[in-house]
């Protein structure tokens, strides 16, 4: 997914802006890879089963959002 994302991000700006855009993208990706382990450690310290419970809840919310969006898209066409 990363090469595809980098292509999309790179093509979103002009030739003079590509370096800055790609640098910002890399910074955000680094933060996105560094913060979850810290949050996961805090969550596990609260309750050992909480990560699985939260993952299930977020997965159900994502499925609900997906099917709601899909249904609204089908009814509008």
Protein backbone atom coordinates (compact mmCIF):
# COMPACT_ATOMS: atom_id res chain seq x y z
CA UNK A 1 0.00 0.00 0.00
CA UNK A 2 2.85 2.38 0.71
CA UNK A 3 4.11 2.68 -2.91
CA UNK A 4 0.56 3.36 -4.11
CA UNK A 5 0.04 5.96 -1.40
CA UNK A 6 3.35 7.63 -2.19
CA UNK A 7 2.38 7.83 -5.87
CA UNK A 8 -0.97 9.42 -5.05
CA UNK A 9 0.64 11.88 -2.65
CA UNK A 10 3.46 12.69 -5.08
CA UNK A 11 1.03 13.36 -7.92
CA UNK A 12 -1.12 15.63 -5.75
CA UNK A 13 1.35 18.50 -6.04
CA UNK A 14 3.41 20.14 -8.70
CA UNK A 15 7.04 19.30 -9.45
CA UNK A 16 8.30 22.06 -7.14
CA UNK A 17 6.21 20.79 -4.19
CA UNK A 18 6.83 17.04 -4.43
CA UNK A 19 9.77 16.97 -2.02
CA UNK A 20 7.89 18.88 0.65
CA UNK A 21 4.74 16.80 0.20
CA UNK A 22 6.65 13.51 0.35
CA UNK A 23 8.55 14.68 3.43
CA UNK A 24 5.32 15.55 5.24
CA UNK A 25 3.85 12.21 4.20
CA UNK A 26 6.87 10.37 5.62
CA UNK A 27 6.62 12.32 8.88
CA UNK A 28 2.96 11.42 9.29
CA UNK A 29 3.68 7.77 8.51
CA UNK A 30 6.45 7.70 11.13
CA UNK A 31 4.11 9.13 13.75
CA UNK A 32 1.43 6.65 12.74
CA UNK A 33 3.87 3.79 13.32
CA UNK A 34 5.22 5.12 16.62
CA UNK A 35 2.10 6.13 18.52
CA UNK A 36 0.07 2.86 18.41
CA UNK A 37 2.56 0.81 20.49
CA UNK A 38 2.43 3.44 23.23
CA UNK A 39 -1.37 3.48 23.20
CA UNK A 40 -1.46 -0.33 23.13
CA UNK A 41 0.80 -0.50 26.18
CA UNK A 42 -1.51 1.81 28.10
CA UNK A 43 -4.58 -0.17 27.03
CA UNK A 44 -3.01 -3.50 28.06
CA UNK A 45 -2.02 -2.06 31.43
CA UNK A 46 -5.69 -1.25 32.07
CA UNK A 47 -6.99 -4.71 31.16
CA UNK A 48 -5.33 -7.55 29.26
CA UNK A 49 -8.51 -8.32 27.28
CA UNK A 50 -9.27 -4.70 26.40
CA UNK A 51 -7.27 -4.62 23.12
CA UNK A 52 -9.28 -7.52 21.69
CA UNK A 53 -12.54 -5.97 22.86
CA UNK A 54 -11.64 -2.58 21.38
CA UNK A 55 -10.52 -4.18 18.13
CA UNK A 56 -13.83 -6.01 17.83
CA UNK A 57 -15.77 -2.83 18.58
CA UNK A 58 -13.81 -0.79 16.01
CA UNK A 59 -14.21 -3.56 13.42
CA UNK A 60 -17.97 -3.62 13.96
CA UNK A 61 -18.13 0.18 13.66
CA UNK A 62 -16.11 0.04 10.43
CA UNK A 63 -18.42 -2.61 8.98
CA UNK A 64 -21.46 -0.57 9.98
CA UNK A 65 -20.01 2.56 8.37
CA UNK A 66 -19.08 0.63 5.22
CA UNK A 67 -22.51 -0.91 4.74
CA UNK A 68 -24.28 2.36 5.58
CA UNK A 69 -22.16 4.21 3.01
CA UNK A 70 -22.62 1.44 0.45
CA UNK A 71 -26.38 1.41 0.92
CA UNK A 72 -26.65 5.21 0.68
CA UNK A 73 -24.51 5.17 -2.47
CA UNK A 74 -26.72 2.50 -4.08
CA UNK A 75 -29.95 4.35 -3.29
CA UNK A 76 -28.64 7.65 -4.68
CA UNK A 77 -27.85 6.19 -8.13
